[in-house]
N, C-alpha and C. Protein backbone atom coordinates (compact mmCIF):
# COMPACT_ATOMS: atom_id res chain seq x y z
N UNK A 1 -20.16 -14.42 -5.90
CA UNK A 1 -20.76 -13.53 -5.45
C UNK A 1 -20.54 -11.90 -5.79
N UNK A 2 -20.97 -10.95 -6.24
CA UNK A 2 -20.38 -9.82 -6.27
C UNK A 2 -20.96 -8.78 -5.55
N UNK A 3 -20.36 -7.96 -4.56
CA UNK A 3 -21.35 -7.31 -3.36
C UNK A 3 -21.20 -6.06 -3.82
N UNK A 4 -21.13 -5.12 -5.28
CA UNK A 4 -21.67 -4.12 -5.76
C UNK A 4 -20.90 -3.14 -5.27
N UNK A 5 -20.56 -3.09 -3.63
CA UNK A 5 -19.62 -1.49 -3.14
C UNK A 5 -18.71 -2.22 -3.16
N UNK A 6 -17.78 -3.19 -3.60
CA UNK A 6 -16.40 -3.36 -3.74
C UNK A 6 -16.08 -4.26 -5.03
N UNK A 7 -16.04 -2.85 -6.15
CA UNK A 7 -15.92 -3.85 -7.47
C UNK A 7 -14.63 -3.93 -7.77
N UNK A 8 -13.46 -4.27 -7.05
CA UNK A 8 -12.09 -4.90 -6.88
C UNK A 8 -12.19 -6.59 -6.58
N UNK A 9 -13.06 -6.63 -5.95
CA UNK A 9 -13.20 -8.35 -5.53
C UNK A 9 -13.70 -9.23 -6.50
N UNK A 10 -12.94 -10.27 -6.22
CA UNK A 10 -13.39 -11.30 -7.40
C UNK A 10 -14.53 -11.83 -7.23
N UNK A 11 -15.28 -12.35 -8.08
CA UNK A 11 -16.72 -13.10 -7.87
C UNK A 11 -16.62 -14.22 -7.09
N UNK A 12 -15.46 -14.91 -7.06
CA UNK A 12 -15.20 -16.33 -6.32
C UNK A 12 -15.17 -15.92 -4.85
N UNK A 13 -14.80 -14.99 -4.62
CA UNK A 13 -14.72 -14.45 -3.04
C UNK A 13 -13.35 -15.03 -2.32
N UNK A 14 -12.57 -15.04 -3.60
CA UNK A 14 -10.82 -15.34 -3.11
C UNK A 14 -9.85 -13.99 -2.29
N UNK A 15 -10.61 -12.77 -2.51
CA UNK A 15 -10.11 -11.67 -1.80
C UNK A 15 -10.38 -11.52 -0.43
N UNK A 16 -11.92 -11.95 -0.68
CA UNK A 16 -12.64 -11.73 0.87
C UNK A 16 -11.76 -13.06 1.65
N UNK A 17 -11.96 -13.80 1.57
CA UNK A 17 -11.14 -15.26 1.90
C UNK A 17 -9.65 -14.83 2.74
N UNK A 18 -9.04 -14.33 1.51
CA UNK A 18 -7.46 -13.45 2.07
C UNK A 18 -7.65 -12.85 3.16
N UNK A 19 -8.73 -11.88 3.46
CA UNK A 19 -9.04 -10.76 4.28
C UNK A 19 -9.13 -11.23 5.75
N UNK A 20 -9.57 -12.72 5.82
CA UNK A 20 -10.19 -13.25 7.01
C UNK A 20 -8.91 -13.75 7.82
N UNK A 21 -7.70 -13.45 7.15
CA UNK A 21 -6.46 -14.23 7.77
C UNK A 21 -5.49 -13.34 8.31
N UNK A 22 -4.63 -12.83 9.04
CA UNK A 22 -3.62 -12.33 8.99
C UNK A 22 -2.67 -12.28 7.79
N UNK A 23 -1.85 -11.30 7.27
CA UNK A 23 -0.80 -11.76 6.43
C UNK A 23 0.53 -11.47 7.38
N UNK A 24 1.16 -12.36 7.66
CA UNK A 24 2.21 -12.32 8.38
C UNK A 24 3.43 -13.34 7.41
N UNK A 25 4.71 -12.69 7.62
CA UNK A 25 5.70 -13.25 6.59
C UNK A 25 6.21 -14.86 7.59
N UNK A 26 6.32 -15.50 6.65
CA UNK A 26 6.80 -17.30 7.28
C UNK A 26 8.25 -16.91 7.48
N UNK A 27 8.08 -18.04 8.66
CA UNK A 27 10.01 -18.38 8.94
C UNK A 27 10.60 -18.95 7.85
N UNK A 28 9.98 -19.21 6.68
CA UNK A 28 10.66 -19.70 5.80
C UNK A 28 11.07 -18.72 4.66
N UNK A 29 10.14 -17.93 4.64
CA UNK A 29 10.07 -16.62 3.71
C UNK A 29 11.43 -15.82 4.12
N UNK A 30 11.76 -15.78 5.55
CA UNK A 30 12.77 -15.02 6.24
C UNK A 30 13.88 -15.52 6.18
N UNK A 31 13.86 -17.11 6.18
CA UNK A 31 15.00 -17.89 5.94
C UNK A 31 15.77 -17.46 4.46
N UNK A 32 14.69 -17.74 3.54
CA UNK A 32 14.76 -17.29 2.00
C UNK A 32 15.52 -16.16 1.89
N UNK A 33 15.56 -15.36 2.45
CA UNK A 33 15.90 -14.07 2.33
C UNK A 33 14.84 -13.12 1.25
N UNK A 34 13.21 -13.72 1.54
CA UNK A 34 12.26 -12.98 0.66
C UNK A 34 11.20 -12.07 1.18
N UNK A 35 12.27 -11.24 1.70
CA UNK A 35 11.58 -9.90 2.69
C UNK A 35 12.01 -8.84 2.10
N UNK A 36 11.43 -7.77 2.85
CA UNK A 36 12.03 -6.46 2.03
C UNK A 36 13.36 -6.46 2.65
N UNK A 37 13.53 -7.00 4.22
CA UNK A 37 14.90 -6.58 4.71
C UNK A 37 15.94 -7.77 3.98
N UNK A 38 15.46 -8.74 3.41
CA UNK A 38 16.31 -9.64 3.01
C UNK A 38 16.39 -9.03 0.98
N UNK A 39 15.84 -8.38 0.60
CA UNK A 39 16.18 -7.53 -0.78
C UNK A 39 17.05 -6.27 -0.50
N UNK A 40 17.40 -5.94 0.72
CA UNK A 40 18.13 -4.62 1.21
C UNK A 40 16.82 -3.55 0.83
N UNK A 41 15.50 -3.65 1.05
CA UNK A 41 14.86 -2.63 1.04
C UNK A 41 14.38 -1.92 2.23
N UNK A 42 14.64 -0.50 2.42
CA UNK A 42 14.12 -0.05 3.59
C UNK A 42 12.82 0.70 3.34
N UNK A 43 11.56 0.19 4.06
CA UNK A 43 10.02 0.79 3.62
C UNK A 43 10.53 2.33 4.49
N UNK A 44 9.53 2.79 3.84
CA UNK A 44 9.37 4.57 3.84
C UNK A 44 7.59 4.61 4.87
N UNK A 45 7.79 5.20 5.63
CA UNK A 45 6.66 5.85 6.49
C UNK A 45 5.43 6.96 5.57
N UNK A 46 4.29 6.26 5.64
CA UNK A 46 3.58 7.18 4.78
C UNK A 46 3.54 8.64 5.10
N UNK A 47 3.99 8.74 6.19
CA UNK A 47 3.87 10.30 6.70
C UNK A 47 5.28 10.92 6.30
N UNK A 48 6.41 10.44 5.55
CA UNK A 48 7.42 11.06 4.84
C UNK A 48 6.82 10.84 3.52
N UNK A 49 6.27 9.81 2.89
CA UNK A 49 6.50 10.11 1.35
C UNK A 49 4.89 10.64 0.64
N UNK A 50 3.99 10.78 1.56
CA UNK A 50 2.64 11.53 0.83
C UNK A 50 2.89 12.50 0.91
N UNK A 51 3.57 13.50 1.62
CA UNK A 51 3.36 15.06 1.15
C UNK A 51 3.95 15.15 -0.39
N UNK A 52 4.91 14.35 -0.42
CA UNK A 52 5.66 14.51 -1.94
C UNK A 52 4.86 14.02 -2.98
N UNK A 53 4.10 13.15 -2.69
CA UNK A 53 3.00 12.72 -3.80
C UNK A 53 1.67 13.53 -3.83
N UNK A 54 1.36 13.91 -2.54
CA UNK A 54 -0.10 14.51 -2.60
C UNK A 54 -0.17 15.98 -3.27
N UNK A 55 1.25 16.70 -3.11
CA UNK A 55 1.19 18.32 -3.35
C UNK A 55 0.44 18.49 -4.71
N UNK A 56 0.27 17.69 -5.62
CA UNK A 56 0.15 18.00 -6.69
C UNK A 56 -1.73 18.35 -6.37
N UNK A 57 -2.19 17.70 -5.70
CA UNK A 57 -3.76 17.64 -5.40
C UNK A 57 -4.23 19.00 -4.60
N UNK A 58 -3.44 19.78 -4.26
CA UNK A 58 -3.59 20.85 -3.31
C UNK A 58 -4.29 21.88 -4.38
N UNK A 59 -5.11 22.72 -4.00
CA UNK A 59 -5.37 23.64 -4.58
C UNK A 59 -4.84 24.62 -5.73
N UNK A 60 -3.79 25.03 -5.58
CA UNK A 60 -2.96 25.43 -6.35
C UNK A 60 -1.85 24.98 -6.71
N UNK A 61 -1.39 23.63 -6.47
CA UNK A 61 -0.37 22.65 -6.83
C UNK A 61 0.80 22.54 -6.29
N UNK A 62 1.69 22.38 -7.18
CA UNK A 62 2.89 22.52 -6.60
C UNK A 62 3.56 24.27 -6.46
N UNK A 63 2.80 25.41 -6.72
CA UNK A 63 2.90 26.57 -6.90
C UNK A 63 2.56 27.24 -5.45
N UNK A 64 2.03 26.78 -4.64
CA UNK A 64 1.18 27.11 -3.51
C UNK A 64 2.31 27.51 -2.21
N UNK A 65 3.52 26.90 -2.28
CA UNK A 65 4.69 27.58 -1.35
C UNK A 65 4.93 29.08 -2.08
N UNK A 66 5.33 29.35 -3.42
CA UNK A 66 5.45 30.52 -4.27
C UNK A 66 4.51 31.18 -3.91
N UNK A 67 3.40 31.41 -3.39
CA UNK A 67 2.19 32.12 -3.81
C UNK A 67 2.14 32.74 -2.30
N UNK A 68 3.11 32.28 -1.04
CA UNK A 68 2.86 32.77 0.15
C UNK A 68 3.94 33.79 0.43
């Protein structure tokens, strides 16, 4: 089944089926340290990371602050 509006979805609907369920880390994964915390990775808030990534899409790019 192809929805047309969502080109990244597989035709067999597997991704649609996955979206019907919560994605919660299991207790087994936590016990096996197969989590970000278990791998000593600290997540970064999108509000912190986005400006550094998106500066290049400003009208004057990385030079916007220098023009002020």
